[in-house]
Structure formats: structure tokens, C-alpha cells
Amino acid sequence: MIGTLAHLIDPLTLAVMISGVGAVALFQNGGPAIGRALAALVPLFRADPGKDQMVARSALLKIDEVAQLRGLACTDRVKTANPFLAEAARRLANSDRTEQFEIWASQSLSDRARRHASARNVWLSIADAAPALGMAGTILGLIGMFAAMDDPAALGPSMALALLTTLYGVVIANLIAAPVASRLADLSERELAWQKEAADRMLTIARRENVPVRRASMREVA
């Protein structure tokens, strides 16, 4: 059994396959996207959008309370470890008009969704390219076999190349790249959902707190 498994590992063939799918992904998505795709592996197992949502809702209650007691300018005093919430609270406190915060929130969520999609597309590219490159390796292995029919000793390596490239393509696509892309898509959807919920809640707070100001301005004009 151990001997069979040892035959399944060919460092050179595996390196060529990884290099090939990497080159395809780089060509299709560009260097920055590759960096984001690799960086996305860090939170792949650690991210917990459900927990982040609960923390965000707790922070929003404090922000709402501060806004009612001291005004929007003090909302950035609510401390939170989440970068998005911290930046949103700072923007809310420093926005002169509700529309400014609304524009920032919309652009921030849109940019975040685009970055998430960019990282996910790299893994989708790898999942698409790996089987095709595996098939190309299989064809090369078969060509080598037919070209060396008069040399039985050369048939083994060519046959191994034909089978291993197909195996590596299937493993890379279906056991690595596709599951990673699916996981990233799920995390992105859930993260953007709670962040939009938080931004909408802050926008509601801003509009509520700005109503008396608008009414006072209207009375002054009248």
C-alpha cells in the first residue's frame, strides 16, 4: 500500500502541473488577484461571519445609544475590533451630511464584493484549468508510449505521466480549488450581508439624528 502511494507522488510532474495552473490563473486574473487569492487562505478556516454579525449588532446598539445621548459626532468613541465597523463609525461621526456616509457605505461594500470576487475567480480558474492540463499531460504520455513501442522500458514512464497528470488535475480541481472557491463564495456572501445590515442601521441612525437639524434649518429659513 505504501509503495503504491509512493508511486503516486512525482515531484517533477506535480510541480509542472502546479506551475501550469498557476500560469493560467495569472494570465486570466492578473498578479494582484493572485495575491488576494493566496491571502484569502488565511481567513478561510478562521472567519466566522455569524460571530461577526452578533458582535456588530452589539456595537450598533452602543452606537445608537451614543448617537441619541451625545450626537453623531461621538459615535466613533464606540470601540470595536472589526475594521469595517470601526471605519464605519468614524465615517458616521465625521460625515457632515447623511449622503456622504451613504455614498461611502455603498462604495465600500461594492469594492469589498469586487475584491472577494477577484480572489474567488482565481480559484475557479484553477479548478477549470487543472483537468484540461491533466488531459494535455495524458495526451503527451500516450504520444510518448506510442513513440516508444519498440522499447518496453520506455513505456512505463510514459504511462505513468499519462495517468499521473490526469490524477493531479482531478485532485487539484475537485479536492482543492473548487472547495476553496465555494467556501470563499459562502464567506463573502455572509460577510457582505452583515456589513450591509450594519451600514443600513447606521444610515437609519444618521437620518434620525439629522431630522431635528433639518427642521431647525427650515424654521430659520422661514
C-alpha atoms as a PDB file:
ATOM      1  CA  MET A   1       0.000   0.000   0.000  1.00  0.00           C
ATOM      2  CA  ILE A   2       2.766   2.408   0.979  1.00  0.00           C
ATOM      3  CA  GLY A   3       4.635   1.503  -2.187  1.00  0.00           C
ATOM      4  CA  THR A   4       1.578   2.259  -4.303  1.00  0.00           C
ATOM      5  CA  LEU A   5       1.133   5.621  -2.648  1.00  0.00           C
ATOM      6  CA  ALA A   6       4.793   6.407  -3.225  1.00  0.00           C
ATOM      7  CA  HIS A   7       4.289   5.863  -6.952  1.00  0.00           C
ATOM      8  CA  LEU A   8       1.509   8.470  -6.915  1.00  0.00           C
ATOM      9  CA  ILE A   9       3.915  11.236  -5.971  1.00  0.00           C
ATOM     10  CA  ASP A  10       6.106  12.524  -8.761  1.00  0.00           C
ATOM     11  CA  PRO A  11       7.564  15.884  -7.637  1.00  0.00           C
ATOM     12  CA  LEU A  12       8.516  16.973 -11.160  1.00  0.00           C
ATOM     13  CA  THR A  13       5.110  16.179 -12.697  1.00  0.00           C
ATOM     14  CA  LEU A  14       3.317  17.771  -9.759  1.00  0.00           C
ATOM     15  CA  ALA A  15       5.481  20.888  -9.994  1.00  0.00           C
ATOM     16  CA  VAL A  16       4.766  21.192 -13.720  1.00  0.00           C
ATOM     17  CA  MET A  17       1.007  20.851 -13.083  1.00  0.00           C
ATOM     18  CA  ILE A  18       1.031  23.461 -10.318  1.00  0.00           C
ATOM     19  CA  SER A  19       3.118  25.807 -12.456  1.00  0.00           C
ATOM     20  CA  GLY A  20       0.754  25.308 -15.382  1.00  0.00           C
ATOM     21  CA  VAL A  21      -2.440  26.049 -13.491  1.00  0.00           C
ATOM     22  CA  GLY A  22      -0.707  28.955 -11.771  1.00  0.00           C
ATOM     23  CA  ALA A  23       0.286  30.419 -15.131  1.00  0.00           C
ATOM     24  CA  VAL A  24      -3.254  30.083 -16.454  1.00  0.00           C
ATOM     25  CA  ALA A  25      -4.702  31.726 -13.345  1.00  0.00           C
ATOM     26  CA  LEU A  26      -2.141  34.533 -13.572  1.00  0.00           C
ATOM     27  CA  PHE A  27      -2.911  35.149 -17.237  1.00  0.00           C
ATOM     28  CA  GLN A  28      -6.673  35.188 -16.660  1.00  0.00           C
ATOM     29  CA  ASN A  29      -6.782  37.222 -13.447  1.00  0.00           C
ATOM     30  CA  GLY A  30      -3.526  39.181 -13.074  1.00  0.00           C
ATOM     31  CA  GLY A  31      -0.926  39.409 -10.331  1.00  0.00           C
ATOM     32  CA  PRO A  32      -2.944  41.404  -7.732  1.00  0.00           C
ATOM     33  CA  ALA A  33      -5.760  38.866  -7.906  1.00  0.00           C
ATOM     34  CA  ILE A  34      -3.290  36.026  -7.290  1.00  0.00           C
ATOM     35  CA  GLY A  35      -2.092  37.832  -4.170  1.00  0.00           C
ATOM     36  CA  ARG A  36      -5.655  38.265  -2.929  1.00  0.00           C
ATOM     37  CA  ALA A  37      -6.419  34.600  -3.641  1.00  0.00           C
ATOM     38  CA  LEU A  38      -3.454  33.452  -1.565  1.00  0.00           C
ATOM     39  CA  ALA A  39      -4.230  35.946   1.207  1.00  0.00           C
ATOM     40  CA  ALA A  40      -7.804  34.640   1.298  1.00  0.00           C
ATOM     41  CA  LEU A  41      -6.485  31.281   2.508  1.00  0.00           C
ATOM     42  CA  VAL A  42      -5.702  32.829   5.901  1.00  0.00           C
ATOM     43  CA  PRO A  43      -9.317  33.555   6.933  1.00  0.00           C
ATOM     44  CA  LEU A  44     -10.596  30.513   5.043  1.00  0.00           C
ATOM     45  CA  PHE A  45     -10.800  28.417   8.215  1.00  0.00           C
ATOM     46  CA  ARG A  46     -10.808  31.199  10.805  1.00  0.00           C
ATOM     47  CA  ALA A  47     -13.535  33.521   9.509  1.00  0.00           C
ATOM     48  CA  ASP A  48     -16.877  33.357  11.301  1.00  0.00           C
ATOM     49  CA  PRO A  49     -19.413  35.761   9.737  1.00  0.00           C
ATOM     50  CA  GLY A  50     -22.098  34.645  12.180  1.00  0.00           C
ATOM     51  CA  LYS A  51     -19.996  35.675  15.160  1.00  0.00           C
ATOM     52  CA  ASP A  52     -19.026  38.922  13.435  1.00  0.00           C
ATOM     53  CA  GLN A  53     -22.694  39.703  12.890  1.00  0.00           C
ATOM     54  CA  MET A  54     -23.501  39.262  16.565  1.00  0.00           C
ATOM     55  CA  VAL A  55     -20.569  41.484  17.546  1.00  0.00           C
ATOM     56  CA  ALA A  56     -21.698  44.084  15.008  1.00  0.00           C
ATOM     57  CA  ARG A  57     -25.244  44.136  16.343  1.00  0.00           C
ATOM     58  CA  SER A  58     -23.959  44.643  19.878  1.00  0.00           C
ATOM     59  CA  ALA A  59     -21.726  47.511  18.720  1.00  0.00           C
ATOM     60  CA  LEU A  60     -24.605  49.069  16.782  1.00  0.00           C
ATOM     61  CA  LEU A  61     -26.713  49.187  19.925  1.00  0.00           C
ATOM     62  CA  LYS A  62     -23.929  51.146  21.613  1.00  0.00           C
ATOM     63  CA  ILE A  63     -23.561  53.432  18.596  1.00  0.00           C
ATOM     64  CA  ASP A  64     -27.300  54.088  18.604  1.00  0.00           C
ATOM     65  CA  GLU A  65     -27.198  54.894  22.309  1.00  0.00           C
ATOM     66  CA  VAL A  66     -24.237  57.256  21.918  1.00  0.00           C
ATOM     67  CA  ALA A  67     -25.904  58.984  18.966  1.00  0.00           C
ATOM     68  CA  GLN A  68     -29.049  59.636  20.995  1.00  0.00           C
ATOM     69  CA  LEU A  69     -27.201  60.863  24.077  1.00  0.00           C
ATOM     70  CA  ARG A  70     -24.288  62.792  22.567  1.00  0.00           C
ATOM     71  CA  GLY A  71     -24.931  63.090  18.838  1.00  0.00           C
ATOM     72  CA  LEU A  72     -23.432  61.536  15.723  1.00  0.00           C
ATOM     73  CA  ALA A  73     -20.072  63.263  16.243  1.00  0.00           C
ATOM     74  CA  CYS A  74     -19.371  60.959  19.207  1.00  0.00           C
ATOM     75  CA  THR A  75     -20.245  57.638  17.559  1.00  0.00           C
ATOM     76  CA  ASP A  76     -16.596  56.921  16.780  1.00  0.00           C
ATOM     77  CA  ARG A  77     -15.959  56.602  20.522  1.00  0.00           C
ATOM     78  CA  VAL A  78     -17.557  53.153  20.413  1.00  0.00           C
ATOM     79  CA  LYS A  79     -14.592  50.794  20.232  1.00  0.00           C
ATOM     80  CA  THR A  80     -14.687  47.654  18.133  1.00  0.00           C
ATOM     81  CA  ALA A  81     -12.014  45.281  16.871  1.00  0.00           C
ATOM     82  CA  ASN A  82     -13.705  44.845  13.499  1.00  0.00           C
ATOM     83  CA  PRO A  83     -12.022  47.112  10.897  1.00  0.00           C
ATOM     84  CA  PHE A  84     -15.211  47.659   8.880  1.00  0.00           C
ATOM     85  CA  LEU A  85     -17.263  48.667  11.906  1.00  0.00           C
ATOM     86  CA  ALA A  86     -14.510  50.925  13.224  1.00  0.00           C
ATOM     87  CA  GLU A  87     -14.192  52.699   9.882  1.00  0.00           C
ATOM     88  CA  ALA A  88     -17.971  52.951   9.517  1.00  0.00           C
ATOM     89  CA  ALA A  89     -18.281  54.530  12.973  1.00  0.00           C
ATOM     90  CA  ARG A  90     -15.527  57.010  12.119  1.00  0.00           C
ATOM     91  CA  ARG A  91     -17.183  57.907   8.823  1.00  0.00           C
ATOM     92  CA  LEU A  92     -20.527  58.308  10.539  1.00  0.00           C
ATOM     93  CA  ALA A  93     -19.039  60.686  13.106  1.00  0.00           C
ATOM     94  CA  ASN A  94     -17.191  62.765  10.514  1.00  0.00           C
ATOM     95  CA  SER A  95     -19.847  62.981   7.798  1.00  0.00           C
ATOM     96  CA  ASP A  96     -21.423  66.417   7.530  1.00  0.00           C
ATOM     97  CA  ARG A  97     -24.345  65.042   5.540  1.00  0.00           C
ATOM     98  CA  THR A  98     -26.134  61.700   5.596  1.00  0.00           C
ATOM     99  CA  GLU A  99     -25.500  61.322   1.880  1.00  0.00           C
ATOM    100  CA  GLN A 100     -21.748  61.278   2.462  1.00  0.00           C
ATOM    101  CA  PHE A 101     -21.970  58.248   4.702  1.00  0.00           C
ATOM    102  CA  GLU A 102     -24.408  56.573   2.313  1.00  0.00           C
ATOM    103  CA  ILE A 103     -22.035  57.042  -0.623  1.00  0.00           C
ATOM    104  CA  TRP A 104     -19.074  55.730   1.385  1.00  0.00           C
ATOM    105  CA  ALA A 105     -21.006  52.663   2.559  1.00  0.00           C
ATOM    106  CA  SER A 106     -22.176  51.838  -0.956  1.00  0.00           C
ATOM    107  CA  GLN A 107     -18.705  52.212  -2.450  1.00  0.00           C
ATOM    108  CA  SER A 108     -17.036  50.300   0.388  1.00  0.00           C
ATOM    109  CA  LEU A 109     -19.370  47.314   0.065  1.00  0.00           C
ATOM    110  CA  SER A 110     -19.073  47.368  -3.722  1.00  0.00           C
ATOM    111  CA  ASP A 111     -15.265  47.430  -3.570  1.00  0.00           C
ATOM    112  CA  ARG A 112     -15.246  44.648  -0.976  1.00  0.00           C
ATOM    113  CA  ALA A 113     -17.516  42.479  -3.130  1.00  0.00           C
ATOM    114  CA  ARG A 114     -15.249  43.077  -6.120  1.00  0.00           C
ATOM    115  CA  ARG A 115     -12.150  42.064  -4.131  1.00  0.00           C
ATOM    116  CA  HIS A 116     -13.892  38.932  -2.890  1.00  0.00           C
ATOM    117  CA  ALA A 117     -14.943  38.005  -6.430  1.00  0.00           C
ATOM    118  CA  SER A 118     -11.403  38.604  -7.687  1.00  0.00           C
ATOM    119  CA  ALA A 119      -9.931  36.156  -5.164  1.00  0.00           C
ATOM    120  CA  ARG A 120     -12.664  33.607  -5.797  1.00  0.00           C
ATOM    121  CA  ASN A 121     -12.224  33.794  -9.575  1.00  0.00           C
ATOM    122  CA  VAL A 122      -8.574  32.781  -9.248  1.00  0.00           C
ATOM    123  CA  TRP A 123      -9.564  29.516  -7.600  1.00  0.00           C
ATOM    124  CA  LEU A 124     -12.306  28.987 -10.168  1.00  0.00           C
ATOM    125  CA  SER A 125      -9.711  29.478 -12.906  1.00  0.00           C
ATOM    126  CA  ILE A 126      -7.507  26.852 -11.272  1.00  0.00           C
ATOM    127  CA  ALA A 127     -10.453  24.462 -10.976  1.00  0.00           C
ATOM    128  CA  ASP A 128     -11.204  24.924 -14.684  1.00  0.00           C
ATOM    129  CA  ALA A 129      -7.598  24.696 -15.884  1.00  0.00           C
ATOM    130  CA  ALA A 130      -6.392  21.704 -13.869  1.00  0.00           C
ATOM    131  CA  PRO A 131      -8.435  18.964 -15.638  1.00  0.00           C
ATOM    132  CA  ALA A 132      -7.550  20.417 -19.057  1.00  0.00           C
ATOM    133  CA  LEU A 133      -3.844  20.459 -18.242  1.00  0.00           C
ATOM    134  CA  GLY A 134      -4.164  16.950 -16.832  1.00  0.00           C
ATOM    135  CA  MET A 135      -5.694  15.818 -20.096  1.00  0.00           C
ATOM    136  CA  ALA A 136      -2.902  17.511 -22.023  1.00  0.00           C
ATOM    137  CA  GLY A 137      -0.371  15.591 -19.916  1.00  0.00           C
ATOM    138  CA  THR A 138      -2.265  12.384 -20.605  1.00  0.00           C
ATOM    139  CA  ILE A 139      -2.084  13.008 -24.341  1.00  0.00           C
ATOM    140  CA  LEU A 140       1.647  13.692 -24.125  1.00  0.00           C
ATOM    141  CA  GLY A 141       2.109  10.489 -22.144  1.00  0.00           C
ATOM    142  CA  LEU A 142       0.190   8.476 -24.748  1.00  0.00           C
ATOM    143  CA  ILE A 143       2.221  10.026 -27.537  1.00  0.00           C
ATOM    144  CA  GLY A 144       5.373   9.011 -25.673  1.00  0.00           C
ATOM    145  CA  MET A 145       4.039   5.472 -25.314  1.00  0.00           C
ATOM    146  CA  PHE A 146       3.230   5.086 -28.997  1.00  0.00           C
ATOM    147  CA  ALA A 147       6.555   6.609 -29.988  1.00  0.00           C
ATOM    148  CA  ALA A 148       8.424   4.096 -27.834  1.00  0.00           C
ATOM    149  CA  MET A 149       6.513   0.912 -28.687  1.00  0.00           C
ATOM    150  CA  ASP A 150       9.754  -0.756 -29.715  1.00  0.00           C
ATOM    151  CA  ASP A 151      11.325  -0.015 -26.300  1.00  0.00           C
ATOM    152  CA  PRO A 152       9.361  -1.681 -23.466  1.00  0.00           C
ATOM    153  CA  ALA A 153      11.475   0.061 -20.843  1.00  0.00           C
ATOM    154  CA  ALA A 154      10.212   3.447 -22.017  1.00  0.00           C
ATOM    155  CA  LEU A 155       6.550   2.514 -21.809  1.00  0.00           C
ATOM    156  CA  GLY A 156       6.375   2.698 -18.006  1.00  0.00           C
ATOM    157  CA  PRO A 157       7.395   6.347 -17.554  1.00  0.00           C
ATOM    158  CA  SER A 158       5.125   7.470 -20.391  1.00  0.00           C
ATOM    159  CA  MET A 159       2.196   5.533 -18.955  1.00  0.00           C
ATOM    160  CA  ALA A 160       2.888   6.993 -15.511  1.00  0.00           C
ATOM    161  CA  LEU A 161       2.921  10.509 -16.969  1.00  0.00           C
ATOM    162  CA  ALA A 162      -0.383   9.892 -18.734  1.00  0.00           C
ATOM    163  CA  LEU A 163      -2.109   8.666 -15.580  1.00  0.00           C
ATOM    164  CA  LEU A 164      -0.498  10.969 -13.009  1.00  0.00           C
ATOM    165  CA  THR A 165      -1.341  14.173 -14.859  1.00  0.00           C
ATOM    166  CA  THR A 166      -4.983  13.139 -15.025  1.00  0.00           C
ATOM    167  CA  LEU A 167      -4.937  12.274 -11.322  1.00  0.00           C
ATOM    168  CA  TYR A 168      -3.279  15.562 -10.359  1.00  0.00           C
ATOM    169  CA  GLY A 169      -5.751  17.514 -12.475  1.00  0.00           C
ATOM    170  CA  VAL A 170      -8.714  15.867 -10.773  1.00  0.00           C
ATOM    171  CA  VAL A 171      -7.256  16.330  -7.284  1.00  0.00           C
ATOM    172  CA  ILE A 172      -6.287  19.976  -7.805  1.00  0.00           C
ATOM    173  CA  ALA A 173      -9.651  20.856  -9.340  1.00  0.00           C
ATOM    174  CA  ASN A 174     -12.102  18.871  -7.238  1.00  0.00           C
ATOM    175  CA  LEU A 175     -10.375  18.447  -3.881  1.00  0.00           C
ATOM    176  CA  ILE A 176      -8.590  21.795  -3.593  1.00  0.00           C
ATOM    177  CA  ALA A 177      -9.560  24.647  -5.931  1.00  0.00           C
ATOM    178  CA  ALA A 178     -13.315  24.086  -6.256  1.00  0.00           C
ATOM    179  CA  PRO A 179     -13.919  23.608  -2.490  1.00  0.00           C
ATOM    180  CA  VAL A 180     -11.821  26.709  -1.733  1.00  0.00           C
ATOM    181  CA  ALA A 181     -13.803  28.777  -4.264  1.00  0.00           C
ATOM    182  CA  SER A 182     -17.090  27.517  -2.827  1.00  0.00           C
ATOM    183  CA  ARG A 183     -16.023  28.301   0.724  1.00  0.00           C
ATOM    184  CA  LEU A 184     -14.872  31.795  -0.260  1.00  0.00           C
ATOM    185  CA  ALA A 185     -18.183  32.449  -2.016  1.00  0.00           C
ATOM    186  CA  ASP A 186     -20.126  31.437   1.097  1.00  0.00           C
ATOM    187  CA  LEU A 187     -17.956  33.552   3.407  1.00  0.00           C
ATOM    188  CA  SER A 188     -18.209  36.538   1.074  1.00  0.00           C
ATOM    189  CA  GLU A 189     -21.999  36.354   0.862  1.00  0.00           C
ATOM    190  CA  ARG A 190     -22.427  36.107   4.626  1.00  0.00           C
ATOM    191  CA  GLU A 191     -19.850  38.798   5.397  1.00  0.00           C
ATOM    192  CA  LEU A 192     -21.319  41.285   2.931  1.00  0.00           C
ATOM    193  CA  ALA A 193     -24.798  40.561   4.282  1.00  0.00           C
ATOM    194  CA  TRP A 194     -23.986  41.569   7.870  1.00  0.00           C
ATOM    195  CA  GLN A 195     -21.907  44.525   6.742  1.00  0.00           C
ATOM    196  CA  LYS A 196     -24.777  45.828   4.618  1.00  0.00           C
ATOM    197  CA  GLU A 197     -27.080  45.316   7.585  1.00  0.00           C
ATOM    198  CA  ALA A 198     -24.703  47.351   9.769  1.00  0.00           C
ATOM    199  CA  ALA A 199     -24.363  50.119   7.164  1.00  0.00           C
ATOM    200  CA  ASP A 200     -28.138  50.328   6.738  1.00  0.00           C
ATOM    201  CA  ARG A 201     -28.579  50.542  10.503  1.00  0.00           C
ATOM    202  CA  MET A 202     -26.024  53.338  10.765  1.00  0.00           C
ATOM    203  CA  LEU A 203     -27.704  55.161   7.901  1.00  0.00           C
ATOM    204  CA  THR A 204     -31.021  54.948   9.738  1.00  0.00           C
ATOM    205  CA  ILE A 205     -29.374  56.375  12.861  1.00  0.00           C
ATOM    206  CA  ALA A 206     -27.830  59.216  10.821  1.00  0.00           C
ATOM    207  CA  ARG A 207     -31.129  60.110   9.193  1.00  0.00           C
ATOM    208  CA  ARG A 208     -32.945  60.066  12.510  1.00  0.00           C
ATOM    209  CA  GLU A 209     -30.377  62.249  14.212  1.00  0.00           C
ATOM    210  CA  ASN A 210     -30.296  64.724  11.328  1.00  0.00           C
ATOM    211  CA  VAL A 211     -34.076  65.273  11.260  1.00  0.00           C
ATOM    212  CA  PRO A 212     -34.122  67.914  14.035  1.00  0.00           C
ATOM    213  CA  VAL A 213     -31.256  69.741  12.332  1.00  0.00           C
ATOM    214  CA  ARG A 214     -33.138  69.881   9.040  1.00  0.00           C
ATOM    215  CA  ARG A 215     -36.318  71.064  10.739  1.00  0.00           C
ATOM    216  CA  ALA A 216     -34.453  73.768  12.619  1.00  0.00           C
ATOM    217  CA  SER A 217     -32.870  74.943   9.374  1.00  0.00           C
ATOM    218  CA  MET A 218     -36.270  75.093   7.713  1.00  0.00           C
ATOM    219  CA  ARG A 219     -37.655  77.196  10.579  1.00  0.00           C
ATOM    220  CA  GLU A 220     -34.690  79.558  10.299  1.00  0.00           C
ATOM    221  CA  VAL A 221     -35.254  79.994   6.564  1.00  0.00           C
ATOM    222  CA  ALA A 222     -38.975  80.592   7.150  1.00  0.00           C
END
